[in-house]
Amino acid sequence: MPTRMRFLPVRDDALLIELDDLGTTLALFDSLSRDPIAGSGELIPGARTLLVSYRPSAVTPGQIVRAARSRDLGGRVAGEGSLIEIPVTYDGEDLAEVAGLLGLTAAEVVQLHTGREYAVGFTGFAPGFAYLSGGHPALHVPRRSSPRTSIPAGSVALAGTFSGVYPRASPGGWQLIGTTAVRMWDLSRDRPALLLPGDRVRFVDVSGSAGGTAGAAGAGSAVAAAPVTASAVEAEVAHGLEVINPGMLTLLQDLGRPGYAGMGVSSSGALDVVSLREANRLVGNASGSACLELTFGGLRLRARGEQVLAVAGAPVPLSVIRPAGADGADVDAPARTRTVAFAHPFALAAGEELVVGPPATGIRSYLAVRGGFDLEPVLGSLSTDVLAGLGPDPVAAGTVLPVATAPRGITAVALPGGDDRAPLDTTEVVLDVVLGPRTDWFTADAVDSLAGQSWLVTPRSNRVGLRLEGDSLTRVVDAELPSEGTVAGAIQIPPNGQPVLFLADHPLTGGYPVIGAVATYHLPLAGQLPPGARIRFRPIGPFAEYSADSSAVDNPEVQS
């Protein structure tokens, strides 16, 4: 019997393949990983879905549909990886409640949880968070109706038919039944994620003991030192930028770290990649080099050695202070201040200080320095992922950021009209939206309401997502959605009906339905919206499944 597949739009460069179960999902994942479809990109498996990103210039959704339908899904053997034992103290806050829901005693829950071997189906939500399948069928419990704002690292939990271990403190709605000292994620290891798809897991009850050690292959190295991040504090740096005041929030950001979805790591990266590329071009860097992403300005820094800088993105006033005695000047001479142009390259002499004011419009500005920042990347990137806790720490006062020596012969070039752009009007910003993949989980009135009202960006927004406020959107499907992959721009609707618009640091997988996603070309605009801004969503096509025989499927513009 042929495998049932549905092909659902996700964004203008991604689609979701829905299958019957986890086994067929992983079989398709394995097939497309071994023999990729030309033009396709990262694959993110879920409980019964596979998220496929692609380059619209290289492949159409119709071609992906036909290629996926042609694959043989009968060859996968589950649980081919290492067996890893995880010692657990069964002291979770929800253990008694879970036992009551299942009509069992707490001891019986523990016995069932430790009595089966699990397989790592997929990863997501956070780096090192593995969804473990294969547990006893009696251990089927719903997520909590009200998620906790913070769950401690090492918490062992249940949700639906899955078990999992939280790798770091984070919000979550799973039922907590125990704790472990084993580190699920550790950058000091050759393989930071302890559990990868294909590995097998057994939980060992050490309740009431002084602790336990993992006793199987791969687990002995699980308890290790804290993750190592790129350090930016080096007082002896002679060529760099010394931070005097970081402002509200200053982070290192580049184009992110794609390619690590298998470890549960999302790409992250600059929220406004257009402005990041522009700032780098202004100083002669490669366009994807790391910049400082400034939120609401406020940065003040001092040059160590001569530097060339540029700032793009949200327009901000820039002033340069030359303190008395800077770079050998007369110590009795008064400090001098000059203004420099936004979106143009400018020089800082040794000892001079740059002061960045608040933006006139928008929220995020990008500061590039010629030569780029000379720091050790984390998984190939200098981006700071605030949800996952990956990358350099947020820039703090006293931090010295070393700057690499720029190649000779490369000049900084001002872009024509760089400071003449129209200011961003945040009274109502229109964002194009691709409907899907779960638009049909909502009433027709909800879809009309999504596009028919002005949504307020609330102060609870951050790099993970914009939390919006407006008339609630109503679902027609009340079932719990099995975890599935998400993209930046996804408009996720939690139970309260108030949308969350995911940005760069969003979780890799999610358990709430997504009604649509902002088109890729409007993501930089979404990343510039401050609290108080208003959004109107404009669907750029009706919601429709992709099919190989659809006249629209080979024309992405029709369905996106």
Protein backbone atom coordinates (compact mmCIF):
# COMPACT_ATOMS: atom_id res chain seq x y z
CA MET A 1 0.00 0.00 0.00
CA PRO A 2 1.51 3.40 -0.98
CA THR A 3 2.57 5.68 1.86
CA ARG A 4 0.11 8.51 2.45
CA MET A 5 1.68 11.94 2.09
CA ARG A 6 0.30 15.48 2.26
CA PHE A 7 2.38 18.42 1.02
CA LEU A 8 1.63 21.66 2.83
CA PRO A 9 3.01 25.18 2.20
CA VAL A 10 5.15 26.59 5.01
CA ARG A 11 6.84 29.65 3.52
CA ASP A 12 7.89 30.74 0.01
CA ASP A 13 10.98 28.53 0.38
CA ALA A 14 9.76 25.61 2.51
CA LEU A 15 7.07 22.93 2.56
CA LEU A 16 5.90 20.35 5.08
CA ILE A 17 5.42 16.69 4.19
CA GLU A 18 2.88 15.02 6.46
CA LEU A 19 3.07 11.24 6.84
CA ASP A 20 1.27 8.56 8.84
CA ASP A 21 3.72 8.05 11.69
CA LEU A 22 7.23 8.61 13.02
CA GLY A 23 8.62 5.51 11.30
CA THR A 24 7.70 6.58 7.78
CA THR A 25 8.78 10.14 8.56
CA LEU A 26 12.27 8.97 9.56
CA ALA A 27 12.44 6.64 6.56
CA LEU A 28 11.78 9.58 4.23
CA PHE A 29 14.24 11.72 6.21
CA ASP A 30 16.93 9.06 5.78
CA SER A 31 16.21 8.73 2.05
CA LEU A 32 16.32 12.47 1.38
CA SER A 33 19.45 12.83 3.55
CA ARG A 34 21.33 10.09 1.66
CA ASP A 35 20.16 11.23 -1.78
CA PRO A 36 19.04 14.88 -1.57
CA ILE A 37 16.65 16.45 -4.04
CA ALA A 38 18.60 18.96 -6.13
CA GLY A 39 17.89 22.46 -4.84
CA SER A 40 16.61 21.29 -1.45
CA GLY A 41 18.17 22.37 1.84
CA GLU A 42 17.88 21.54 5.51
CA LEU A 43 15.47 18.79 6.61
CA ILE A 44 13.73 18.91 10.00
CA PRO A 45 11.80 15.77 11.01
CA GLY A 46 8.91 15.93 13.45
CA ALA A 47 6.62 13.37 15.02
CA ARG A 48 4.95 12.67 11.69
CA THR A 49 6.12 15.45 9.40
CA LEU A 50 9.24 16.44 7.50
CA LEU A 51 10.02 20.12 6.93
CA VAL A 52 11.91 20.63 3.66
CA SER A 53 13.57 23.94 2.82
CA TYR A 54 14.49 24.65 -0.80
CA ARG A 55 15.78 27.29 -3.21
CA PRO A 56 12.85 28.44 -5.39
CA SER A 57 15.31 29.36 -8.16
CA ALA A 58 16.55 25.75 -8.30
CA VAL A 59 13.52 23.53 -7.64
CA THR A 60 9.73 23.85 -7.56
CA PRO A 61 7.35 22.40 -4.99
CA GLY A 62 5.97 20.12 -7.71
CA GLN A 63 9.37 18.60 -8.33
CA ILE A 64 9.77 17.99 -4.57
CA VAL A 65 6.35 16.34 -4.44
CA ARG A 66 7.17 13.96 -7.27
CA ALA A 67 10.65 13.16 -5.92
CA ALA A 68 9.33 12.44 -2.40
CA ARG A 69 6.52 10.21 -3.68
CA SER A 70 9.03 8.13 -5.65
CA ARG A 71 11.16 7.20 -2.61
CA ASP A 72 11.23 3.69 -1.14
CA LEU A 73 10.46 4.01 2.58
CA GLY A 74 10.89 0.39 3.54
CA GLY A 75 14.62 0.26 4.23
CA ARG A 76 15.08 2.01 7.58
CA VAL A 77 16.00 0.03 10.68
CA ALA A 78 15.16 1.96 13.85
CA GLY A 79 17.63 2.24 16.68
CA GLU A 80 20.89 1.62 14.81
CA GLY A 81 23.00 3.96 16.95
CA SER A 82 24.67 3.71 20.35
CA LEU A 83 22.89 2.54 23.51
CA ILE A 84 23.08 5.29 26.13
CA GLU A 85 21.91 4.82 29.71
CA ILE A 86 20.67 7.87 31.60
CA PRO A 87 20.49 7.73 35.43
CA VAL A 88 17.32 9.37 36.74
CA THR A 89 16.14 10.42 40.16
CA TYR A 90 12.35 10.19 39.90
CA ASP A 91 11.45 13.29 41.89
CA GLY A 92 9.59 15.33 39.28
CA GLU A 93 6.92 17.85 40.27
CA ASP A 94 4.31 16.19 38.06
CA LEU A 95 5.02 12.53 38.90
CA ALA A 96 2.03 12.17 41.24
CA GLU A 97 -0.26 14.01 38.82
CA VAL A 98 0.89 11.83 35.91
CA ALA A 99 0.24 8.71 38.00
CA GLY A 100 -3.26 9.98 38.77
CA LEU A 101 -4.00 10.72 35.10
CA LEU A 102 -2.96 7.20 34.14
CA GLY A 103 -4.62 5.43 37.06
CA LEU A 104 -1.27 4.15 38.31
CA THR A 105 0.94 4.58 41.35
CA ALA A 106 4.10 6.70 41.08
CA ALA A 107 6.19 3.52 41.47
CA GLU A 108 4.34 1.93 38.55
CA VAL A 109 5.03 4.99 36.37
CA VAL A 110 8.74 4.69 37.16
CA GLN A 111 8.69 0.95 36.44
CA LEU A 112 7.06 1.51 33.04
CA HIS A 113 9.43 4.37 32.19
CA THR A 114 12.55 2.33 32.94
CA GLY A 115 11.26 -0.91 31.47
CA ARG A 116 11.61 -0.08 27.77
CA GLU A 117 14.40 0.90 25.40
CA TYR A 118 13.78 4.19 23.59
CA ALA A 119 14.92 5.42 20.19
CA VAL A 120 15.86 9.02 19.36
CA GLY A 121 13.32 9.96 16.72
CA PHE A 122 14.24 13.58 16.10
CA THR A 123 15.63 16.66 17.85
CA GLY A 124 14.30 20.15 18.25
CA PHE A 125 12.95 22.82 20.59
CA ALA A 126 16.48 23.44 21.94
CA PRO A 127 20.01 22.16 21.19
CA GLY A 128 20.35 18.66 22.55
CA PHE A 129 16.62 18.15 23.16
CA ALA A 130 15.78 14.70 21.76
CA TYR A 131 12.28 13.31 21.27
CA LEU A 132 12.44 9.70 22.48
CA SER A 133 9.92 7.20 21.15
CA GLY A 134 9.28 3.54 21.93
CA GLY A 135 8.18 3.87 25.54
CA HIS A 136 5.36 1.87 27.10
CA PRO A 137 2.03 2.73 25.40
CA ALA A 138 0.41 3.29 28.81
CA LEU A 139 2.66 6.36 29.32
CA HIS A 140 0.60 8.60 27.07
CA VAL A 141 -0.04 11.94 28.78
CA PRO A 142 -0.95 15.39 27.41
CA ARG A 143 1.20 18.48 27.74
CA ARG A 144 0.34 20.74 30.66
CA SER A 145 -2.54 23.11 29.92
CA SER A 146 -0.42 26.00 31.21
CA PRO A 147 3.30 25.74 30.29
CA ARG A 148 5.88 26.62 32.94
CA THR A 149 7.97 29.74 32.34
CA SER A 150 11.14 27.92 33.42
CA ILE A 151 12.02 24.23 33.68
CA PRO A 152 15.41 23.31 35.20
CA ALA A 153 18.10 21.72 33.06
CA GLY A 154 18.18 17.94 33.43
CA SER A 155 14.42 17.60 33.92
CA VAL A 156 13.11 14.27 32.59
CA ALA A 157 9.65 14.71 31.12
CA LEU A 158 6.74 13.17 29.22
CA ALA A 159 4.46 14.60 26.52
CA GLY A 160 2.12 12.54 24.37
CA THR A 161 3.96 9.31 23.62
CA PHE A 162 7.43 10.92 23.89
CA SER A 163 9.99 11.15 26.65
CA GLY A 164 12.70 13.81 26.77
CA VAL A 165 15.33 15.56 28.90
CA TYR A 166 15.57 19.35 29.02
CA PRO A 167 19.19 20.28 28.15
CA ARG A 168 19.01 23.75 29.72
CA ALA A 169 16.65 25.87 31.76
CA SER A 170 13.82 26.94 29.46
CA PRO A 171 10.06 27.35 29.27
CA GLY A 172 8.08 24.19 28.51
CA GLY A 173 4.81 22.36 28.85
CA TRP A 174 5.95 18.74 29.30
CA GLN A 175 5.08 16.73 32.42
CA LEU A 176 8.09 16.51 34.78
CA ILE A 177 8.73 13.10 36.35
CA GLY A 178 12.43 13.17 37.31
CA THR A 179 15.89 14.72 37.03
CA THR A 180 19.31 13.64 35.77
CA ALA A 181 22.81 15.06 36.18
CA VAL A 182 23.79 13.95 32.68
CA ARG A 183 24.44 16.84 30.29
CA MET A 184 22.39 16.57 27.11
CA TRP A 185 24.37 19.39 25.45
CA ASP A 186 28.02 20.22 26.01
CA LEU A 187 30.18 22.17 23.56
CA SER A 188 33.35 20.80 25.14
CA ARG A 189 32.56 17.37 23.66
CA ASP A 190 33.38 16.36 20.10
CA ARG A 191 29.67 15.62 19.68
CA PRO A 192 27.91 18.36 21.69
CA ALA A 193 24.51 16.63 21.58
CA LEU A 194 24.55 13.48 23.69
CA LEU A 195 21.58 12.04 21.81
CA LEU A 196 21.28 12.01 18.02
CA PRO A 197 18.65 10.43 15.74
CA GLY A 198 19.16 6.66 15.65
CA ASP A 199 20.64 6.38 19.15
CA ARG A 200 18.99 4.11 21.72
CA VAL A 201 18.28 5.18 25.29
CA ARG A 202 17.50 3.41 28.53
CA PHE A 203 16.53 5.25 31.72
CA VAL A 204 17.99 3.86 34.97
CA ASP A 205 16.27 4.55 38.30
CA VAL A 206 18.74 5.90 40.89
CA SER A 207 16.07 7.47 43.13
CA GLY A 208 17.15 7.66 46.72
CA SER A 209 20.83 7.15 45.96
CA ALA A 210 23.61 9.69 46.08
CA GLY A 211 23.61 9.80 42.31
CA GLY A 212 24.56 7.65 39.40
CA THR A 213 26.82 7.42 36.42
CA ALA A 214 25.84 6.65 32.89
CA GLY A 215 26.85 3.10 32.22
CA ALA A 216 26.72 2.59 28.48
CA ALA A 217 28.65 3.63 25.43
CA GLY A 218 28.79 7.35 24.95
CA ALA A 219 27.27 8.26 28.30
CA GLY A 220 30.43 8.23 30.38
CA SER A 221 31.48 11.54 28.88
CA ALA A 222 28.08 13.12 29.43
CA VAL A 223 28.88 14.85 32.73
CA ALA A 224 31.40 17.48 31.77
CA ALA A 225 32.41 21.07 32.17
CA ALA A 226 30.11 23.94 31.27
CA PRO A 227 29.84 24.78 27.57
CA VAL A 228 32.67 26.83 26.17
CA THR A 229 31.72 29.99 24.30
CA ALA A 230 33.77 32.48 22.33
CA SER A 231 35.36 34.78 24.88
CA ALA A 232 35.49 38.44 24.00
CA VAL A 233 37.10 39.83 27.16
CA GLU A 234 40.84 40.25 26.67
CA ALA A 235 42.39 43.28 28.26
CA GLU A 236 45.66 42.94 26.31
CA VAL A 237 43.99 43.34 22.89
CA ALA A 238 45.82 46.11 21.02
CA HIS A 239 43.64 46.21 17.90
CA GLY A 240 39.96 46.13 18.67
CA LEU A 241 36.91 47.85 20.11
CA GLU A 242 36.47 48.39 23.85
CA VAL A 243 32.85 48.57 25.00
CA ILE A 244 32.17 51.37 27.47
CA ASN A 245 28.36 51.08 27.47
CA PRO A 246 26.57 48.26 25.62
CA GLY A 247 23.19 49.98 25.56
CA MET A 248 20.01 47.96 26.08
CA LEU A 249 21.18 44.87 24.19
CA THR A 250 24.19 44.42 21.91
CA LEU A 251 24.89 41.02 20.38
CA LEU A 252 27.30 39.59 17.86
CA GLN A 253 25.37 38.36 14.82
CA ASP A 254 26.21 37.03 11.36
CA LEU A 255 24.21 34.88 8.92
CA GLY A 256 23.73 32.16 11.54
CA ARG A 257 24.62 28.48 11.77
CA PRO A 258 22.52 26.45 9.31
CA GLY A 259 23.20 22.74 9.00
CA TYR A 260 22.92 21.69 12.65
CA ALA A 261 19.22 20.80 12.79
CA GLY A 262 20.22 17.19 13.54
CA MET A 263 21.47 18.40 16.94
CA GLY A 264 18.39 20.54 17.55
CA VAL A 265 20.18 23.79 16.67
CA SER A 266 18.32 26.44 14.69
CA SER A 267 20.12 28.88 12.40
CA SER A 268 19.68 32.05 14.48
CA GLY A 269 21.63 34.98 12.96
CA ALA A 270 20.88 38.65 12.30
CA LEU A 271 17.22 39.62 12.31
CA ASP A 272 17.79 42.13 9.50
CA VAL A 273 20.24 40.40 7.15
CA VAL A 274 19.83 43.13 4.52
CA SER A 275 21.23 45.74 6.91
CA LEU A 276 23.99 43.40 8.13
CA ARG A 277 25.15 42.87 4.55
CA GLU A 278 25.00 46.60 3.85
CA ALA A 279 27.10 47.50 6.89
CA ASN A 280 29.74 44.96 5.86
CA ARG A 281 29.88 46.22 2.27
CA LEU A 282 30.40 49.75 3.55
CA VAL A 283 33.67 48.76 5.28
CA GLY A 284 34.87 46.28 2.65
CA ASN A 285 34.11 43.05 4.54
CA ALA A 286 32.59 39.88 3.18
CA SER A 287 28.86 40.56 3.32
CA GLY A 288 28.13 37.79 5.83
CA SER A 289 30.77 38.82 8.39
CA ALA A 290 29.73 39.24 12.01
CA CYS A 291 28.46 42.65 13.10
CA LEU A 292 27.23 44.10 16.36
CA GLU A 293 23.43 44.07 16.41
CA LEU A 294 22.28 47.04 18.53
CA THR A 295 18.78 47.11 19.97
CA PHE A 296 17.57 50.69 20.52
CA GLY A 297 21.11 52.07 20.11
CA GLY A 298 22.85 53.31 23.26
CA LEU A 299 26.25 51.76 22.46
CA ARG A 300 29.46 53.60 23.39
CA LEU A 301 32.85 52.14 22.49
CA ARG A 302 36.51 53.14 22.25
CA ALA A 303 38.92 52.31 19.43
CA ARG A 304 42.11 50.42 20.19
CA GLY A 305 44.21 51.16 17.17
CA GLU A 306 42.85 52.80 14.03
CA GLN A 307 39.50 51.42 12.89
CA VAL A 308 37.03 51.89 10.04
CA LEU A 309 33.37 51.41 10.94
CA ALA A 310 29.90 51.79 9.46
CA VAL A 311 26.38 51.50 10.86
CA ALA A 312 23.30 50.45 8.87
CA GLY A 313 19.75 49.34 9.67
CA ALA A 314 17.61 51.45 11.98
CA PRO A 315 18.88 55.05 11.49
CA VAL A 316 20.75 56.35 14.54
CA PRO A 317 22.74 59.55 15.29
CA LEU A 318 26.48 58.91 15.46
CA SER A 319 28.99 61.10 17.24
CA VAL A 320 32.73 60.67 17.75
CA ILE A 321 34.46 62.00 20.86
CA ARG A 322 38.19 62.61 20.88
CA PRO A 323 39.13 62.72 24.59
CA ALA A 324 41.94 64.85 25.84
CA GLY A 325 45.23 63.02 25.39
CA ALA A 326 43.84 60.50 22.91
CA ASP A 327 46.51 59.05 20.62
CA GLY A 328 49.24 61.34 21.92
CA ALA A 329 47.22 64.57 21.81
CA ASP A 330 47.74 67.31 24.37
CA VAL A 331 46.31 66.08 27.68
CA ASP A 332 45.28 69.64 28.51
CA ALA A 333 43.36 70.08 25.26
CA PRO A 334 39.56 69.89 25.60
CA ALA A 335 37.71 66.87 24.26
CA ARG A 336 36.38 67.36 20.75
CA THR A 337 33.18 65.93 19.30
CA ARG A 338 32.18 65.49 15.67
CA THR A 339 29.24 63.82 13.97
CA VAL A 340 29.64 61.12 11.33
CA ALA A 341 27.18 60.00 8.69
CA PHE A 342 24.90 57.03 9.16
CA ALA A 343 25.17 54.35 6.42
CA HIS A 344 28.62 55.66 5.39
CA PRO A 345 32.09 54.41 6.40
CA PHE A 346 34.03 56.53 8.88
CA ALA A 347 37.36 56.30 10.69
CA LEU A 348 38.09 56.13 14.40
CA ALA A 349 41.58 57.03 15.52
CA ALA A 350 43.10 55.19 18.45
CA GLY A 351 41.46 56.36 21.67
CA GLU A 352 38.47 57.96 19.96
CA GLU A 353 35.02 56.98 21.17
CA LEU A 354 31.86 56.31 19.17
CA VAL A 355 28.49 57.14 20.74
CA VAL A 356 25.37 55.67 19.12
CA GLY A 357 22.09 57.42 19.87
CA PRO A 358 18.56 55.98 19.84
CA PRO A 359 17.03 55.08 16.46
CA ALA A 360 14.60 57.45 14.83
CA THR A 361 12.60 54.53 13.44
CA GLY A 362 12.99 50.78 13.67
CA ILE A 363 14.72 48.99 16.49
CA ARG A 364 17.96 47.27 15.32
CA SER A 365 21.14 48.80 13.87
CA TYR A 366 24.21 46.91 12.66
CA LEU A 367 27.79 48.05 13.30
CA ALA A 368 30.52 46.59 11.11
CA VAL A 369 34.26 47.08 11.57
CA ARG A 370 36.75 46.69 8.77
CA GLY A 371 38.53 43.34 9.08
CA GLY A 372 35.74 41.78 11.15
CA PHE A 373 35.79 40.48 14.71
CA ASP A 374 38.63 38.08 15.48
CA LEU A 375 36.78 35.60 17.71
CA GLU A 376 36.42 31.83 17.76
CA PRO A 377 33.10 30.78 16.20
CA VAL A 378 30.69 28.38 17.90
CA LEU A 379 29.50 25.72 15.44
CA GLY A 380 30.78 27.84 12.58
CA SER A 381 29.12 31.11 13.59
CA LEU A 382 29.57 34.12 15.86
CA SER A 383 25.81 34.58 16.22
CA THR A 384 24.34 34.73 19.70
CA ASP A 385 21.20 32.58 19.96
CA VAL A 386 19.36 33.88 23.02
CA LEU A 387 16.89 30.97 23.21
CA ALA A 388 19.47 28.21 22.83
CA GLY A 389 22.22 29.98 24.80
CA LEU A 390 24.72 29.45 21.98
CA GLY A 391 27.46 31.78 20.83
CA PRO A 392 29.18 34.67 22.58
CA ASP A 393 27.57 36.21 25.62
CA PRO A 394 25.75 39.54 25.13
CA VAL A 395 28.29 42.34 24.93
CA ALA A 396 28.93 43.92 28.34
CA ALA A 397 30.75 47.01 29.59
CA GLY A 398 34.49 46.33 29.70
CA THR A 399 34.36 43.78 26.89
CA VAL A 400 37.18 44.17 24.37
CA LEU A 401 36.34 42.79 20.93
CA PRO A 402 39.50 42.00 18.96
CA VAL A 403 39.43 43.07 15.31
CA ALA A 404 41.24 41.19 12.56
CA THR A 405 43.64 42.96 10.23
CA ALA A 406 41.89 43.77 6.97
CA PRO A 407 43.52 42.70 3.68
CA ARG A 408 45.38 45.53 1.99
CA GLY A 409 43.92 47.09 -1.12
CA ILE A 410 40.25 46.77 -0.12
CA THR A 411 38.56 50.14 0.22
CA ALA A 412 35.40 51.05 2.08
CA VAL A 413 32.72 52.21 -0.33
CA ALA A 414 29.72 54.37 0.49
CA LEU A 415 26.53 53.12 -1.14
CA PRO A 416 24.60 55.80 -3.07
CA GLY A 417 21.64 57.14 -1.15
CA GLY A 418 22.51 55.12 1.94
CA ASP A 419 21.16 57.75 4.34
CA ASP A 420 18.29 58.95 2.12
CA ARG A 421 15.94 56.01 2.63
CA ALA A 422 12.34 56.60 3.67
CA PRO A 423 11.84 56.26 7.43
CA LEU A 424 9.99 53.18 8.62
CA ASP A 425 6.40 54.05 9.48
CA THR A 426 5.38 51.67 12.27
CA THR A 427 1.80 52.92 12.58
CA GLU A 428 0.83 49.97 10.36
CA VAL A 429 3.41 47.76 8.63
CA VAL A 430 2.12 45.36 5.97
CA LEU A 431 3.76 41.92 5.93
CA ASP A 432 3.09 39.41 3.16
CA VAL A 433 2.07 35.98 4.46
CA VAL A 434 2.09 32.49 2.96
CA LEU A 435 -0.88 30.60 4.45
CA GLY A 436 -0.12 27.13 5.87
CA PRO A 437 0.70 24.58 7.00
CA ARG A 438 -2.13 24.44 9.58
CA THR A 439 -4.49 27.09 8.24
CA ASP A 440 -7.24 24.45 8.05
CA TRP A 441 -7.06 24.05 11.85
CA PHE A 442 -8.77 27.45 12.13
CA THR A 443 -12.20 28.78 11.32
CA ALA A 444 -12.76 30.75 8.12
CA ASP A 445 -13.50 33.75 10.33
CA ALA A 446 -10.10 33.32 12.01
CA VAL A 447 -8.30 33.47 8.67
CA ASP A 448 -10.29 36.60 7.78
CA SER A 449 -9.46 38.05 11.20
CA LEU A 450 -5.73 37.35 10.72
CA ALA A 451 -5.68 39.61 7.67
CA GLY A 452 -8.53 41.94 8.58
CA GLN A 453 -7.19 43.54 11.74
CA SER A 454 -4.19 45.52 12.91
CA TRP A 455 -2.03 43.54 15.37
CA LEU A 456 -0.14 45.31 18.17
CA VAL A 457 3.50 44.31 18.88
CA THR A 458 3.68 43.93 22.66
CA PRO A 459 6.65 44.68 24.97
CA ARG A 460 7.05 40.93 25.64
CA SER A 461 8.61 40.56 22.18
CA ASN A 462 12.27 39.64 21.67
CA ARG A 463 14.58 37.87 19.21
CA VAL A 464 12.64 34.64 19.67
CA GLY A 465 9.44 36.20 18.40
CA LEU A 466 7.02 39.10 18.28
CA ARG A 467 4.12 38.55 20.67
CA LEU A 468 1.05 40.15 19.13
CA GLU A 469 -2.20 41.38 20.60
CA GLY A 470 -5.60 41.59 18.91
CA ASP A 471 -8.87 39.72 18.51
CA SER A 472 -8.22 36.06 19.29
CA LEU A 473 -8.13 33.49 16.49
CA THR A 474 -10.40 30.47 16.93
CA ARG A 475 -9.47 26.88 16.10
CA VAL A 476 -11.76 24.22 14.67
CA VAL A 477 -9.33 21.38 15.43
CA ASP A 478 -8.85 20.95 19.17
CA ALA A 479 -6.46 17.99 18.98
CA GLU A 480 -2.92 18.34 20.30
CA LEU A 481 -0.52 18.95 17.41
CA PRO A 482 2.43 16.54 17.37
CA SER A 483 5.71 18.51 17.34
CA GLU A 484 6.78 19.61 13.88
CA GLY A 485 9.43 21.83 12.33
CA THR A 486 9.04 25.60 12.25
CA VAL A 487 10.63 28.45 10.28
CA ALA A 488 11.45 32.07 10.97
CA GLY A 489 8.36 34.10 10.13
CA ALA A 490 5.94 31.37 11.29
CA ILE A 491 2.79 32.75 12.93
CA GLN A 492 2.10 30.28 15.72
CA ILE A 493 -1.22 30.38 17.56
CA PRO A 494 -1.12 29.18 21.20
CA PRO A 495 -4.31 28.28 23.09
CA ASN A 496 -5.09 31.92 23.98
CA GLY A 497 -5.50 32.74 20.26
CA GLN A 498 -2.89 35.53 20.33
CA PRO A 499 -0.25 35.07 17.58
CA VAL A 500 3.48 34.74 18.12
CA LEU A 501 5.52 35.70 15.04
CA PHE A 502 8.74 33.68 15.19
CA LEU A 503 12.03 35.50 14.53
CA ALA A 504 15.59 34.19 14.12
CA ASP A 505 15.99 32.59 17.57
CA HIS A 506 12.76 30.58 17.37
CA PRO A 507 12.64 26.92 18.50
CA LEU A 508 13.40 24.38 15.80
CA THR A 509 10.15 22.49 16.44
CA GLY A 510 6.84 23.56 17.92
CA GLY A 511 3.63 22.03 19.22
CA TYR A 512 1.14 24.78 18.44
CA PRO A 513 -0.46 25.16 14.98
CA VAL A 514 1.00 27.68 12.53
CA ILE A 515 -1.60 29.54 10.49
CA GLY A 516 0.90 31.10 8.08
CA ALA A 517 4.41 32.50 7.72
CA VAL A 518 5.82 35.86 6.71
CA ALA A 519 7.42 35.74 3.27
CA THR A 520 11.22 35.64 3.31
CA TYR A 521 11.59 39.08 1.72
CA HIS A 522 9.67 40.69 4.60
CA LEU A 523 11.57 38.97 7.44
CA PRO A 524 14.13 41.82 7.77
CA LEU A 525 11.22 44.26 8.08
CA ALA A 526 9.62 42.13 10.81
CA GLY A 527 12.95 42.18 12.67
CA GLN A 528 12.83 45.99 12.83
CA LEU A 529 9.44 46.32 14.52
CA PRO A 530 9.53 47.76 18.06
CA PRO A 531 6.90 47.35 20.77
CA GLY A 532 3.95 49.56 19.94
CA ALA A 533 4.23 48.97 16.19
CA ARG A 534 1.21 47.60 14.37
CA ILE A 535 1.15 44.85 11.76
CA ARG A 536 -1.36 44.01 9.05
CA PHE A 537 -0.89 40.60 7.46
CA ARG A 538 -1.54 40.29 3.71
CA PRO A 539 -2.01 36.72 2.44
CA ILE A 540 -0.37 36.41 -1.00
CA GLY A 541 -2.34 33.36 -2.08
CA PRO A 542 -5.03 30.98 -0.84
CA PHE A 543 -4.18 28.06 1.39
CA ALA A 544 -3.90 24.90 -0.75
CA GLU A 545 -1.99 21.66 -0.53
CA TYR A 546 0.73 20.98 -3.07
CA SER A 547 0.13 18.07 -5.43
CA ALA A 548 2.10 16.70 -8.35
CA ASP A 549 -0.81 17.13 -10.75
CA SER A 550 -1.73 20.66 -9.68
CA SER A 551 -1.36 23.31 -12.34
CA ALA A 552 -0.09 25.67 -9.65
CA VAL A 553 2.53 23.43 -8.09
CA ASP A 554 5.27 24.20 -10.60
CA ASN A 555 4.75 27.94 -10.22
CA PRO A 556 5.73 28.90 -6.67
CA GLU A 557 4.36 32.42 -7.13
CA VAL A 558 0.83 31.09 -7.54
CA GLN A 559 0.80 29.28 -4.22
CA SER A 560 3.13 31.46 -2.22
